[in-house]
């Protein structure tokens, strides 16, 4: 990722539905089960598919590395942090569907809730 790529992605994020919600140098350790790890260069919580589309567009145009975070379990973040955009899945991604023989759980669903529902 070049500086120009990053600036292009950053500009797209600032001008999208995510404007004002993208944070710089956000510590990721508190978001994980093990509570360790450095900061993400950029961080945003996506609350809808529209938000997610804006992230995908900015990341694609700017060749920006993306780290998707659900509830942070089974995630280890380097103490050096993450050079890119950390995207945490918000409430719109927590549904659990147990109808039929297949269980579908959103990436933001809490594992204890998924276990109870199944």
PDB file of N, CA and C in Angstrom:
ATOM      1  N   UNK A   1       0.844  -1.169   0.000  1.00  0.00           N
ATOM      2  CA  UNK A   1       0.000   0.000   0.000  1.00  0.00           C
ATOM      3  C   UNK A   1       0.893   1.237   0.000  1.00  0.00           C
ATOM      4  N   UNK A   2       0.678   2.086  -0.966  1.00  0.00           N
ATOM      5  CA  UNK A   2       1.446   3.322  -1.030  1.00  0.00           C
ATOM      6  C   UNK A   2       0.711   4.422  -0.263  1.00  0.00           C
ATOM      7  N   UNK A   3       1.417   5.500  -0.008  1.00  0.00           N
ATOM      8  CA  UNK A   3       0.798   6.642   0.674  1.00  0.00           C
ATOM      9  C   UNK A   3      -0.364   7.191  -0.152  1.00  0.00           C
ATOM     10  N   UNK A   4      -0.216   7.196  -1.472  1.00  0.00           N
ATOM     11  CA  UNK A   4      -1.286   7.700  -2.347  1.00  0.00           C
ATOM     12  C   UNK A   4      -2.510   6.794  -2.271  1.00  0.00           C
ATOM     13  N   UNK A   5      -2.285   5.464  -2.238  1.00  0.00           N
ATOM     14  CA  UNK A   5      -3.404   4.526  -2.103  1.00  0.00           C
ATOM     15  C   UNK A   5      -4.156   4.781  -0.803  1.00  0.00           C
ATOM     16  N   UNK A   6      -3.377   4.954   0.279  1.00  0.00           N
ATOM     17  CA  UNK A   6      -3.995   5.177   1.574  1.00  0.00           C
ATOM     18  C   UNK A   6      -4.793   6.471   1.578  1.00  0.00           C
ATOM     19  N   UNK A   7      -4.237   7.526   1.021  1.00  0.00           N
ATOM     20  CA  UNK A   7      -4.933   8.817   0.984  1.00  0.00           C
ATOM     21  C   UNK A   7      -6.225   8.720   0.168  1.00  0.00           C
ATOM     22  N   UNK A   8      -6.190   7.958  -0.933  1.00  0.00           N
ATOM     23  CA  UNK A   8      -7.397   7.782  -1.748  1.00  0.00           C
ATOM     24  C   UNK A   8      -8.480   7.062  -0.948  1.00  0.00           C
ATOM     25  N   UNK A   9      -8.099   6.011  -0.254  1.00  0.00           N
ATOM     26  CA  UNK A   9      -9.061   5.271   0.563  1.00  0.00           C
ATOM     27  C   UNK A   9      -9.578   6.138   1.704  1.00  0.00           C
ATOM     28  N   UNK A  10      -8.696   6.861   2.348  1.00  0.00           N
ATOM     29  CA  UNK A  10      -9.077   7.727   3.461  1.00  0.00           C
ATOM     30  C   UNK A  10     -10.079   8.788   3.004  1.00  0.00           C
ATOM     31  N   UNK A  11      -9.839   9.376   1.844  1.00  0.00           N
ATOM     32  CA  UNK A  11     -10.744  10.402   1.309  1.00  0.00           C
ATOM     33  C   UNK A  11     -12.118   9.799   1.019  1.00  0.00           C
ATOM     34  N   UNK A  12     -12.139   8.596   0.458  1.00  0.00           N
ATOM     35  CA  UNK A  12     -13.417   7.942   0.177  1.00  0.00           C
ATOM     36  C   UNK A  12     -14.183   7.660   1.469  1.00  0.00           C
ATOM     37  N   UNK A  13     -13.488   7.223   2.497  1.00  0.00           N
ATOM     38  CA  UNK A  13     -14.146   6.960   3.780  1.00  0.00           C
ATOM     39  C   UNK A  13     -14.715   8.234   4.384  1.00  0.00           C
ATOM     40  N   UNK A  14     -13.939   9.330   4.321  1.00  0.00           N
ATOM     41  CA  UNK A  14     -14.402  10.609   4.878  1.00  0.00           C
ATOM     42  C   UNK A  14     -15.626  11.146   4.146  1.00  0.00           C
ATOM     43  N   UNK A  15     -15.722  10.841   2.833  1.00  0.00           N
ATOM     44  CA  UNK A  15     -16.812  11.369   2.017  1.00  0.00           C
ATOM     45  C   UNK A  15     -17.981  10.392   1.880  1.00  0.00           C
ATOM     46  N   UNK A  16     -17.967   9.303   2.627  1.00  0.00           N
ATOM     47  CA  UNK A  16     -19.006   8.279   2.503  1.00  0.00           C
ATOM     48  C   UNK A  16     -20.000   8.374   3.663  1.00  0.00           C
ATOM     49  N   UNK A  17     -20.890   7.383   3.736  1.00  0.00           N
ATOM     50  CA  UNK A  17     -21.847   7.311   4.847  1.00  0.00           C
ATOM     51  C   UNK A  17     -21.131   7.132   6.181  1.00  0.00           C
ATOM     52  N   UNK A  18     -19.847   6.816   6.152  1.00  0.00           N
ATOM     53  CA  UNK A  18     -19.061   6.593   7.363  1.00  0.00           C
ATOM     54  C   UNK A  18     -18.413   7.868   7.887  1.00  0.00           C
ATOM     55  N   UNK A  19     -18.647   8.976   7.216  1.00  0.00           N
ATOM     56  CA  UNK A  19     -18.026  10.249   7.605  1.00  0.00           C
ATOM     57  C   UNK A  19     -18.244  10.528   9.086  1.00  0.00           C
ATOM     58  N   UNK A  20     -17.170  10.878   9.766  1.00  0.00           N
ATOM     59  CA  UNK A  20     -17.236  11.200  11.176  1.00  0.00           C
ATOM     60  C   UNK A  20     -17.193   9.993  12.106  1.00  0.00           C
ATOM     61  N   UNK A  21     -17.233   8.797  11.541  1.00  0.00           N
ATOM     62  CA  UNK A  21     -17.220   7.581  12.365  1.00  0.00           C
ATOM     63  C   UNK A  21     -15.929   6.783  12.233  1.00  0.00           C
ATOM     64  N   UNK A  22     -15.028   7.231  11.391  1.00  0.00           N
ATOM     65  CA  UNK A  22     -13.746   6.542  11.206  1.00  0.00           C
ATOM     66  C   UNK A  22     -12.749   7.131  12.197  1.00  0.00           C
ATOM     67  N   UNK A  23     -12.158   6.268  13.012  1.00  0.00           N
ATOM     68  CA  UNK A  23     -11.229   6.710  14.056  1.00  0.00           C
ATOM     69  C   UNK A  23      -9.793   6.353  13.674  1.00  0.00           C
ATOM     70  N   UNK A  24      -8.861   7.173  14.101  1.00  0.00           N
ATOM     71  CA  UNK A  24      -7.436   6.935  13.854  1.00  0.00           C
ATOM     72  C   UNK A  24      -6.787   6.308  15.077  1.00  0.00           C
ATOM     73  N   UNK A  25      -5.857   5.388  14.808  1.00  0.00           N
ATOM     74  CA  UNK A  25      -5.038   4.770  15.857  1.00  0.00           C
ATOM     75  C   UNK A  25      -5.868   4.233  17.026  1.00  0.00           C
ATOM     76  N   UNK A  26      -6.887   3.454  16.712  1.00  0.00           N
ATOM     77  CA  UNK A  26      -7.784   2.870  17.715  1.00  0.00           C
ATOM     78  C   UNK A  26      -7.164   1.585  18.267  1.00  0.00           C
ATOM     79  N   UNK A  27      -6.927   1.496  19.577  1.00  0.00           N
ATOM     80  CA  UNK A  27      -6.395   0.258  20.162  1.00  0.00           C
ATOM     81  C   UNK A  27      -7.357  -0.906  19.929  1.00  0.00           C
ATOM     82  N   UNK A  28      -6.828  -2.021  19.450  1.00  0.00           N
ATOM     83  CA  UNK A  28      -7.655  -3.186  19.165  1.00  0.00           C
ATOM     84  C   UNK A  28      -7.669  -4.197  20.306  1.00  0.00           C
ATOM     85  N   UNK A  29      -6.677  -4.163  21.174  1.00  0.00           N
ATOM     86  CA  UNK A  29      -6.596  -5.118  22.275  1.00  0.00           C
ATOM     87  C   UNK A  29      -7.876  -5.209  23.088  1.00  0.00           C
ATOM     88  N   UNK A  30      -8.480  -4.076  23.485  1.00  0.00           N
ATOM     89  CA  UNK A  30      -9.703  -4.144  24.284  1.00  0.00           C
ATOM     90  C   UNK A  30     -10.886  -4.804  23.563  1.00  0.00           C
ATOM     91  N   UNK A  31     -10.795  -4.962  22.259  1.00  0.00           N
ATOM     92  CA  UNK A  31     -11.880  -5.571  21.489  1.00  0.00           C
ATOM     93  C   UNK A  31     -11.733  -7.081  21.361  1.00  0.00           C
ATOM     94  N   UNK A  32     -10.649  -7.638  21.883  1.00  0.00           N
ATOM     95  CA  UNK A  32     -10.387  -9.066  21.735  1.00  0.00           C
ATOM     96  C   UNK A  32     -10.554  -9.799  23.063  1.00  0.00           C
ATOM     97  N   UNK A  33     -10.732 -11.096  22.977  1.00  0.00           N
ATOM     98  CA  UNK A  33     -10.887 -11.929  24.171  1.00  0.00           C
ATOM     99  C   UNK A  33      -9.655 -11.858  25.055  1.00  0.00           C
ATOM    100  N   UNK A  34      -8.473 -11.848  24.455  1.00  0.00           N
ATOM    101  CA  UNK A  34      -7.232 -11.869  25.221  1.00  0.00           C
ATOM    102  C   UNK A  34      -6.758 -10.486  25.656  1.00  0.00           C
ATOM    103  N   UNK A  35      -7.423  -9.432  25.154  1.00  0.00           N
ATOM    104  CA  UNK A  35      -7.137  -8.057  25.561  1.00  0.00           C
ATOM    105  C   UNK A  35      -5.705  -7.598  25.286  1.00  0.00           C
ATOM    106  N   UNK A  36      -5.113  -8.109  24.218  1.00  0.00           N
ATOM    107  CA  UNK A  36      -3.765  -7.688  23.847  1.00  0.00           C
ATOM    108  C   UNK A  36      -3.758  -7.249  22.386  1.00  0.00           C
ATOM    109  N   UNK A  37      -2.802  -6.412  22.040  1.00  0.00           N
ATOM    110  CA  UNK A  37      -2.624  -5.999  20.662  1.00  0.00           C
ATOM    111  C   UNK A  37      -2.548  -4.495  20.525  1.00  0.00           C
ATOM    112  N   UNK A  38      -1.949  -4.087  19.437  1.00  0.00           N
ATOM    113  CA  UNK A  38      -1.747  -2.665  19.166  1.00  0.00           C
ATOM    114  C   UNK A  38      -2.961  -2.025  18.514  1.00  0.00           C
ATOM    115  N   UNK A  39      -2.720  -0.855  17.956  1.00  0.00           N
ATOM    116  CA  UNK A  39      -3.798  -0.046  17.371  1.00  0.00           C
ATOM    117  C   UNK A  39      -3.931  -0.282  15.869  1.00  0.00           C
ATOM    118  N   UNK A  40      -5.130  -0.026  15.376  1.00  0.00           N
ATOM    119  CA  UNK A  40      -5.387  -0.022  13.935  1.00  0.00           C
ATOM    120  C   UNK A  40      -5.184   1.397  13.421  1.00  0.00           C
ATOM    121  N   UNK A  41      -4.599   1.500  12.243  1.00  0.00           N
ATOM    122  CA  UNK A  41      -4.392   2.821  11.645  1.00  0.00           C
ATOM    123  C   UNK A  41      -5.737   3.542  11.503  1.00  0.00           C
ATOM    124  N   UNK A  42      -6.763   2.808  11.043  1.00  0.00           N
ATOM    125  CA  UNK A  42      -8.126   3.338  10.960  1.00  0.00           C
ATOM    126  C   UNK A  42      -9.076   2.262  11.495  1.00  0.00           C
ATOM    127  N   UNK A  43     -10.189   2.712  12.077  1.00  0.00           N
ATOM    128  CA  UNK A  43     -11.158   1.803  12.687  1.00  0.00           C
ATOM    129  C   UNK A  43     -12.556   2.366  12.488  1.00  0.00           C
ATOM    130  N   UNK A  44     -13.501   1.481  12.178  1.00  0.00           N
ATOM    131  CA  UNK A  44     -14.890   1.901  12.031  1.00  0.00           C
ATOM    132  C   UNK A  44     -15.801   0.738  12.409  1.00  0.00           C
ATOM    133  N   UNK A  45     -16.955   1.080  12.974  1.00  0.00           N
ATOM    134  CA  UNK A  45     -18.002   0.092  13.227  1.00  0.00           C
ATOM    135  C   UNK A  45     -19.017   0.229  12.105  1.00  0.00           C
ATOM    136  N   UNK A  46     -19.300  -0.871  11.413  1.00  0.00           N
ATOM    137  CA  UNK A  46     -20.311  -0.849  10.354  1.00  0.00           C
ATOM    138  C   UNK A  46     -21.634  -1.313  10.945  1.00  0.00           C
ATOM    139  N   UNK A  47     -22.678  -0.539  10.707  1.00  0.00           N
ATOM    140  CA  UNK A  47     -23.994  -0.820  11.280  1.00  0.00           C
ATOM    141  C   UNK A  47     -25.018  -1.251  10.240  1.00  0.00           C
ATOM    142  N   UNK A  48     -24.605  -1.321   8.976  1.00  0.00           N
ATOM    143  CA  UNK A  48     -25.545  -1.702   7.919  1.00  0.00           C
ATOM    144  C   UNK A  48     -24.769  -2.214   6.710  1.00  0.00           C
ATOM    145  N   UNK A  49     -25.506  -2.803   5.784  1.00  0.00           N
ATOM    146  CA  UNK A  49     -24.880  -3.241   4.534  1.00  0.00           C
ATOM    147  C   UNK A  49     -24.391  -2.032   3.738  1.00  0.00           C
ATOM    148  N   UNK A  50     -25.066  -0.910   3.841  1.00  0.00           N
ATOM    149  CA  UNK A  50     -24.623   0.308   3.161  1.00  0.00           C
ATOM    150  C   UNK A  50     -23.252   0.727   3.685  1.00  0.00           C
ATOM    151  N   UNK A  51     -23.072   0.676   5.011  1.00  0.00           N
ATOM    152  CA  UNK A  51     -21.768   0.978   5.608  1.00  0.00           C
ATOM    153  C   UNK A  51     -20.709   0.017   5.067  1.00  0.00           C
ATOM    154  N   UNK A  52     -21.048  -1.256   5.029  1.00  0.00           N
ATOM    155  CA  UNK A  52     -20.095  -2.273   4.576  1.00  0.00           C
ATOM    156  C   UNK A  52     -19.709  -2.056   3.117  1.00  0.00           C
ATOM    157  N   UNK A  53     -20.674  -1.682   2.306  1.00  0.00           N
ATOM    158  CA  UNK A  53     -20.380  -1.392   0.892  1.00  0.00           C
ATOM    159  C   UNK A  53     -19.401  -0.216   0.767  1.00  0.00           C
ATOM    160  N   UNK A  54     -19.559   0.805   1.603  1.00  0.00           N
ATOM    161  CA  UNK A  54     -18.648   1.956   1.583  1.00  0.00           C
ATOM    162  C   UNK A  54     -17.233   1.523   1.943  1.00  0.00           C
ATOM    163  N   UNK A  55     -17.099   0.623   2.917  1.00  0.00           N
ATOM    164  CA  UNK A  55     -15.783   0.101   3.301  1.00  0.00           C
ATOM    165  C   UNK A  55     -15.166  -0.672   2.141  1.00  0.00           C
ATOM    166  N   UNK A  56     -15.947  -1.547   1.524  1.00  0.00           N
ATOM    167  CA  UNK A  56     -15.438  -2.350   0.409  1.00  0.00           C
ATOM    168  C   UNK A  56     -14.986  -1.450  -0.733  1.00  0.00           C
ATOM    169  N   UNK A  57     -15.773  -0.431  -1.038  1.00  0.00           N
ATOM    170  CA  UNK A  57     -15.415   0.484  -2.120  1.00  0.00           C
ATOM    171  C   UNK A  57     -14.104   1.210  -1.810  1.00  0.00           C
ATOM    172  N   UNK A  58     -14.002   1.772  -0.618  1.00  0.00           N
ATOM    173  CA  UNK A  58     -12.790   2.512  -0.250  1.00  0.00           C
ATOM    174  C   UNK A  58     -11.574   1.594  -0.213  1.00  0.00           C
ATOM    175  N   UNK A  59     -11.740   0.401   0.321  1.00  0.00           N
ATOM    176  CA  UNK A  59     -10.616  -0.533   0.418  1.00  0.00           C
ATOM    177  C   UNK A  59     -10.168  -1.005  -0.960  1.00  0.00           C
ATOM    178  N   UNK A  60     -11.104  -1.196  -1.858  1.00  0.00           N
ATOM    179  CA  UNK A  60     -10.769  -1.654  -3.209  1.00  0.00           C
ATOM    180  C   UNK A  60     -10.061  -0.558  -3.992  1.00  0.00           C
ATOM    181  N   UNK A  61     -10.604   0.632  -3.971  1.00  0.00           N
ATOM    182  CA  UNK A  61     -10.000   1.751  -4.710  1.00  0.00           C
ATOM    183  C   UNK A  61      -8.613   2.069  -4.164  1.00  0.00           C
ATOM    184  N   UNK A  62      -8.479   2.056  -2.844  1.00  0.00           N
ATOM    185  CA  UNK A  62      -7.215   2.431  -2.229  1.00  0.00           C
ATOM    186  C   UNK A  62      -6.291   1.274  -1.915  1.00  0.00           C
ATOM    187  N   UNK A  63      -6.652   0.055  -2.320  1.00  0.00           N
ATOM    188  CA  UNK A  63      -5.843  -1.128  -2.012  1.00  0.00           C
ATOM    189  C   UNK A  63      -5.498  -1.170  -0.523  1.00  0.00           C
ATOM    190  N   UNK A  64      -6.500  -0.879   0.302  1.00  0.00           N
ATOM    191  CA  UNK A  64      -6.337  -0.771   1.746  1.00  0.00           C
ATOM    192  C   UNK A  64      -6.562  -2.121   2.407  1.00  0.00           C
ATOM    193  N   UNK A  65      -5.603  -2.600   3.191  1.00  0.00           N
ATOM    194  CA  UNK A  65      -5.817  -3.846   3.925  1.00  0.00           C
ATOM    195  C   UNK A  65      -6.961  -3.672   4.926  1.00  0.00           C
ATOM    196  N   UNK A  66      -7.795  -4.708   5.052  1.00  0.00           N
ATOM    197  CA  UNK A  66      -8.954  -4.656   5.936  1.00  0.00           C
ATOM    198  C   UNK A  66      -8.904  -5.835   6.892  1.00  0.00           C
ATOM    199  N   UNK A  67      -9.188  -5.566   8.164  1.00  0.00           N
ATOM    200  CA  UNK A  67      -9.316  -6.594   9.188  1.00  0.00           C
ATOM    201  C   UNK A  67     -10.743  -6.531   9.689  1.00  0.00           C
ATOM    202  N   UNK A  68     -11.512  -7.612   9.491  1.00  0.00           N
ATOM    203  CA  UNK A  68     -12.896  -7.644   9.951  1.00  0.00           C
ATOM    204  C   UNK A  68     -12.927  -8.268  11.336  1.00  0.00           C
ATOM    205  N   UNK A  69     -13.583  -7.561  12.260  1.00  0.00           N
ATOM    206  CA  UNK A  69     -13.675  -8.007  13.646  1.00  0.00           C
ATOM    207  C   UNK A  69     -15.136  -8.242  13.977  1.00  0.00           C
ATOM    208  N   UNK A  70     -15.429  -9.440  14.444  1.00  0.00           N
ATOM    209  CA  UNK A  70     -16.781  -9.713  14.931  1.00  0.00           C
ATOM    210  C   UNK A  70     -16.841  -9.326  16.396  1.00  0.00           C
ATOM    211  N   UNK A  71     -16.838 -10.326  17.266  1.00  0.00           N
ATOM    212  CA  UNK A  71     -16.865 -10.085  18.703  1.00  0.00           C
ATOM    213  C   UNK A  71     -15.469 -10.176  19.323  1.00  0.00           C
ATOM    214  N   UNK A  72     -14.448 -10.452  18.522  1.00  0.00           N
ATOM    215  CA  UNK A  72     -13.070 -10.442  19.003  1.00  0.00           C
ATOM    216  C   UNK A  72     -12.570 -11.741  19.604  1.00  0.00           C
ATOM    217  N   UNK A  73     -13.391 -12.791  19.579  1.00  0.00           N
ATOM    218  CA  UNK A  73     -12.904 -14.061  20.111  1.00  0.00           C
ATOM    219  C   UNK A  73     -11.992 -14.719  19.080  1.00  0.00           C
ATOM    220  N   UNK A  74     -11.026 -15.447  19.568  1.00  0.00           N
ATOM    221  CA  UNK A  74     -10.070 -16.132  18.709  1.00  0.00           C
ATOM    222  C   UNK A  74      -9.333 -15.169  17.777  1.00  0.00           C
ATOM    223  N   UNK A  75      -9.061 -13.982  18.268  1.00  0.00           N
ATOM    224  CA  UNK A  75      -8.361 -12.977  17.482  1.00  0.00           C
ATOM    225  C   UNK A  75      -7.158 -12.474  18.270  1.00  0.00           C
ATOM    226  N   UNK A  76      -6.001 -12.580  17.673  1.00  0.00           N
ATOM    227  CA  UNK A  76      -4.781 -12.033  18.266  1.00  0.00           C
ATOM    228  C   UNK A  76      -4.271 -10.928  17.350  1.00  0.00           C
ATOM    229  N   UNK A  77      -4.040  -9.774  17.918  1.00  0.00           N
ATOM    230  CA  UNK A  77      -3.542  -8.633  17.159  1.00  0.00           C
ATOM    231  C   UNK A  77      -2.113  -8.374  17.595  1.00  0.00           C
ATOM    232  N   UNK A  78      -1.238  -8.180  16.635  1.00  0.00           N
ATOM    233  CA  UNK A  78       0.156  -7.884  16.931  1.00  0.00           C
ATOM    234  C   UNK A  78       0.275  -6.630  17.794  1.00  0.00           C
ATOM    235  N   UNK A  79       1.254  -6.607  18.678  1.00  0.00           N
ATOM    236  CA  UNK A  79       1.516  -5.405  19.474  1.00  0.00           C
ATOM    237  C   UNK A  79       1.901  -4.233  18.576  1.00  0.00           C
ATOM    238  N   UNK A  80       2.356  -4.530  17.345  1.00  0.00           N
ATOM    239  CA  UNK A  80       2.686  -3.483  16.377  1.00  0.00           C
ATOM    240  C   UNK A  80       1.439  -2.873  15.753  1.00  0.00           C
ATOM    241  N   UNK A  81       0.286  -3.475  16.007  1.00  0.00           N
ATOM    242  CA  UNK A  81      -0.969  -2.951  15.471  1.00  0.00           C
ATOM    243  C   UNK A  81      -1.272  -3.465  14.084  1.00  0.00           C
ATOM    244  N   UNK A  82      -2.200  -2.800  13.427  1.00  0.00           N
ATOM    245  CA  UNK A  82      -2.647  -3.185  12.094  1.00  0.00           C
ATOM    246  C   UNK A  82      -2.584  -1.969  11.185  1.00  0.00           C
ATOM    247  N   UNK A  83      -1.814  -2.078  10.118  1.00  0.00           N
ATOM    248  CA  UNK A  83      -1.664  -0.984   9.152  1.00  0.00           C
ATOM    249  C   UNK A  83      -2.745  -1.148   8.096  1.00  0.00           C
ATOM    250  N   UNK A  84      -3.881  -0.559   8.357  1.00  0.00           N
ATOM    251  CA  UNK A  84      -5.027  -0.661   7.467  1.00  0.00           C
ATOM    252  C   UNK A  84      -6.279  -0.242   8.204  1.00  0.00           C
ATOM    253  N   UNK A  85      -7.417  -0.756   7.731  1.00  0.00           N
ATOM    254  CA  UNK A  85      -8.714  -0.413   8.295  1.00  0.00           C
ATOM    255  C   UNK A  85      -9.288  -1.612   9.043  1.00  0.00           C
ATOM    256  N   UNK A  86      -9.496  -1.461  10.341  1.00  0.00           N
ATOM    257  CA  UNK A  86     -10.173  -2.486  11.133  1.00  0.00           C
ATOM    258  C   UNK A  86     -11.664  -2.165  11.110  1.00  0.00           C
ATOM    259  N   UNK A  87     -12.457  -3.156  10.730  1.00  0.00           N
ATOM    260  CA  UNK A  87     -13.895  -2.987  10.588  1.00  0.00           C
ATOM    261  C   UNK A  87     -14.591  -3.896  11.596  1.00  0.00           C
ATOM    262  N   UNK A  88     -15.293  -3.291  12.547  1.00  0.00           N
ATOM    263  CA  UNK A  88     -16.023  -4.099  13.516  1.00  0.00           C
ATOM    264  C   UNK A  88     -17.480  -4.187  13.078  1.00  0.00           C
ATOM    265  N   UNK A  89     -18.001  -5.408  13.104  1.00  0.00           N
ATOM    266  CA  UNK A  89     -19.385  -5.643  12.706  1.00  0.00           C
ATOM    267  C   UNK A  89     -20.324  -5.253  13.836  1.00  0.00           C
ATOM    268  N   UNK A  90     -21.255  -4.365  13.544  1.00  0.00           N
ATOM    269  CA  UNK A  90     -22.193  -3.873  14.546  1.00  0.00           C
ATOM    270  C   UNK A  90     -23.451  -4.717  14.647  1.00  0.00           C
ATOM    271  N   UNK A  91     -24.481  -4.137  15.223  1.00  0.00           N
ATOM    272  CA  UNK A  91     -25.718  -4.845  15.553  1.00  0.00           C
ATOM    273  C   UNK A  91     -26.408  -5.490  14.348  1.00  0.00           C
ATOM    274  N   UNK A  92     -26.257  -4.918  13.173  1.00  0.00           N
ATOM    275  CA  UNK A  92     -26.911  -5.473  11.984  1.00  0.00           C
ATOM    276  C   UNK A  92     -26.347  -6.834  11.592  1.00  0.00           C
ATOM    277  N   UNK A  93     -25.239  -7.218  12.205  1.00  0.00           N
ATOM    278  CA  UNK A  93     -24.566  -8.464  11.836  1.00  0.00           C
ATOM    279  C   UNK A  93     -24.562  -9.475  12.975  1.00  0.00           C
ATOM    280  N   UNK A  94     -25.587  -9.407  13.845  1.00  0.00           N
ATOM    281  CA  UNK A  94     -25.632 -10.295  15.011  1.00  0.00           C
ATOM    282  C   UNK A  94     -26.753 -11.336  14.952  1.00  0.00           C
ATOM    283  N   UNK A  95     -27.502 -11.375  13.872  1.00  0.00           N
ATOM    284  CA  UNK A  95     -28.628 -12.304  13.782  1.00  0.00           C
ATOM    285  C   UNK A  95     -28.157 -13.762  13.814  1.00  0.00           C
ATOM    286  N   UNK A  96     -28.991 -14.605  14.416  1.00  0.00           N
ATOM    287  CA  UNK A  96     -28.763 -16.046  14.442  1.00  0.00           C
ATOM    288  C   UNK A  96     -30.049 -16.701  13.952  1.00  0.00           C
ATOM    289  N   UNK A  97     -29.948 -17.491  12.888  1.00  0.00           N
ATOM    290  CA  UNK A  97     -31.100 -18.170  12.308  1.00  0.00           C
ATOM    291  C   UNK A  97     -30.937 -19.667  12.530  1.00  0.00           C
ATOM    292  N   UNK A  98     -31.838 -20.246  13.320  1.00  0.00           N
ATOM    293  CA  UNK A  98     -31.743 -21.675  13.632  1.00  0.00           C
ATOM    294  C   UNK A  98     -32.855 -22.477  12.961  1.00  0.00           C
ATOM    295  N   UNK A  99     -33.543 -21.880  12.012  1.00  0.00           N
ATOM    296  CA  UNK A  99     -34.590 -22.621  11.298  1.00  0.00           C
ATOM    297  C   UNK A  99     -33.948 -23.636  10.367  1.00  0.00           C
ATOM    298  N   UNK A 100     -34.478 -24.825  10.380  1.00  0.00           N
ATOM    299  CA  UNK A 100     -33.980 -25.869   9.494  1.00  0.00           C
ATOM    300  C   UNK A 100     -32.705 -26.506  10.023  1.00  0.00           C
ATOM    301  N   UNK A 101     -32.083 -27.331   9.206  1.00  0.00           N
ATOM    302  CA  UNK A 101     -30.903 -28.083   9.662  1.00  0.00           C
ATOM    303  C   UNK A 101     -29.602 -27.284   9.653  1.00  0.00           C
ATOM    304  N   UNK A 102     -29.625 -26.082   9.070  1.00  0.00           N
ATOM    305  CA  UNK A 102     -28.418 -25.266   8.976  1.00  0.00           C
ATOM    306  C   UNK A 102     -28.567 -24.042   9.870  1.00  0.00           C
ATOM    307  N   UNK A 103     -27.540 -23.760  10.656  1.00  0.00           N
ATOM    308  CA  UNK A 103     -27.527 -22.571  11.502  1.00  0.00           C
ATOM    309  C   UNK A 103     -26.724 -21.492  10.787  1.00  0.00           C
ATOM    310  N   UNK A 104     -27.300 -20.308  10.708  1.00  0.00           N
ATOM    311  CA  UNK A 104     -26.592 -19.168  10.113  1.00  0.00           C
ATOM    312  C   UNK A 104     -26.446 -18.098  11.182  1.00  0.00           C
ATOM    313  N   UNK A 105     -25.217 -17.718  11.441  1.00  0.00           N
ATOM    314  CA  UNK A 105     -24.943 -16.709  12.464  1.00  0.00           C
ATOM    315  C   UNK A 105     -24.116 -15.594  11.853  1.00  0.00           C
ATOM    316  N   UNK A 106     -24.508 -14.364  12.151  1.00  0.00           N
ATOM    317  CA  UNK A 106     -23.756 -13.203  11.682  1.00  0.00           C
ATOM    318  C   UNK A 106     -22.401 -13.141  12.352  1.00  0.00           C
ATOM    319  N   UNK A 107     -21.446 -12.529  11.685  1.00  0.00           N
ATOM    320  CA  UNK A 107     -20.095 -12.411  12.210  1.00  0.00           C
ATOM    321  C   UNK A 107     -19.986 -11.590  13.479  1.00  0.00           C
ATOM    322  N   UNK A 108     -21.019 -10.828  13.809  1.00  0.00           N
ATOM    323  CA  UNK A 108     -21.026 -10.039  15.031  1.00  0.00           C
ATOM    324  C   UNK A 108     -21.790 -10.691  16.165  1.00  0.00           C
ATOM    325  N   UNK A 109     -22.274 -11.918  15.931  1.00  0.00           N
ATOM    326  CA  UNK A 109     -23.035 -12.618  16.978  1.00  0.00           C
ATOM    327  C   UNK A 109     -22.097 -13.119  18.065  1.00  0.00           C
ATOM    328  N   UNK A 110     -22.542 -13.016  19.305  1.00  0.00           N
ATOM    329  CA  UNK A 110     -21.760 -13.517  20.435  1.00  0.00           C
ATOM    330  C   UNK A 110     -21.830 -15.041  20.458  1.00  0.00           C
ATOM    331  N   UNK A 111     -20.694 -15.697  20.616  1.00  0.00           N
ATOM    332  CA  UNK A 111     -20.663 -17.157  20.613  1.00  0.00           C
ATOM    333  C   UNK A 111     -21.548 -17.773  21.693  1.00  0.00           C
ATOM    334  N   UNK A 112     -21.603 -17.250  22.930  1.00  0.00           N
ATOM    335  CA  UNK A 112     -22.512 -17.839  23.919  1.00  0.00           C
ATOM    336  C   UNK A 112     -23.974 -17.785  23.473  1.00  0.00           C
ATOM    337  N   UNK A 113     -24.371 -16.711  22.789  1.00  0.00           N
ATOM    338  CA  UNK A 113     -25.735 -16.617  22.306  1.00  0.00           C
ATOM    339  C   UNK A 113     -25.990 -17.651  21.204  1.00  0.00           C
ATOM    340  N   UNK A 114     -25.028 -17.819  20.305  1.00  0.00           N
ATOM    341  CA  UNK A 114     -25.163 -18.821  19.249  1.00  0.00           C
ATOM    342  C   UNK A 114     -25.282 -20.209  19.874  1.00  0.00           C
ATOM    343  N   UNK A 115     -24.471 -20.489  20.880  1.00  0.00           N
ATOM    344  CA  UNK A 115     -24.512 -21.790  21.545  1.00  0.00           C
ATOM    345  C   UNK A 115     -25.872 -22.027  22.200  1.00  0.00           C
ATOM    346  N   UNK A 116     -26.405 -21.018  22.880  1.00  0.00           N
ATOM    347  CA  UNK A 116     -27.709 -21.172  23.540  1.00  0.00           C
ATOM    348  C   UNK A 116     -28.817 -21.407  22.512  1.00  0.00           C
ATOM    349  N   UNK A 117     -28.748 -20.710  21.413  1.00  0.00           N
ATOM    350  CA  UNK A 117     -29.814 -20.825  20.386  1.00  0.00           C
ATOM    351  C   UNK A 117     -29.759 -22.145  19.638  1.00  0.00           C
ATOM    352  N   UNK A 118     -28.588 -22.787  19.636  1.00  0.00           N
ATOM    353  CA  UNK A 118     -28.469 -24.056  18.902  1.00  0.00           C
ATOM    354  C   UNK A 118     -28.604 -25.227  19.848  1.00  0.00           C
TER     355      UNK A 118
END
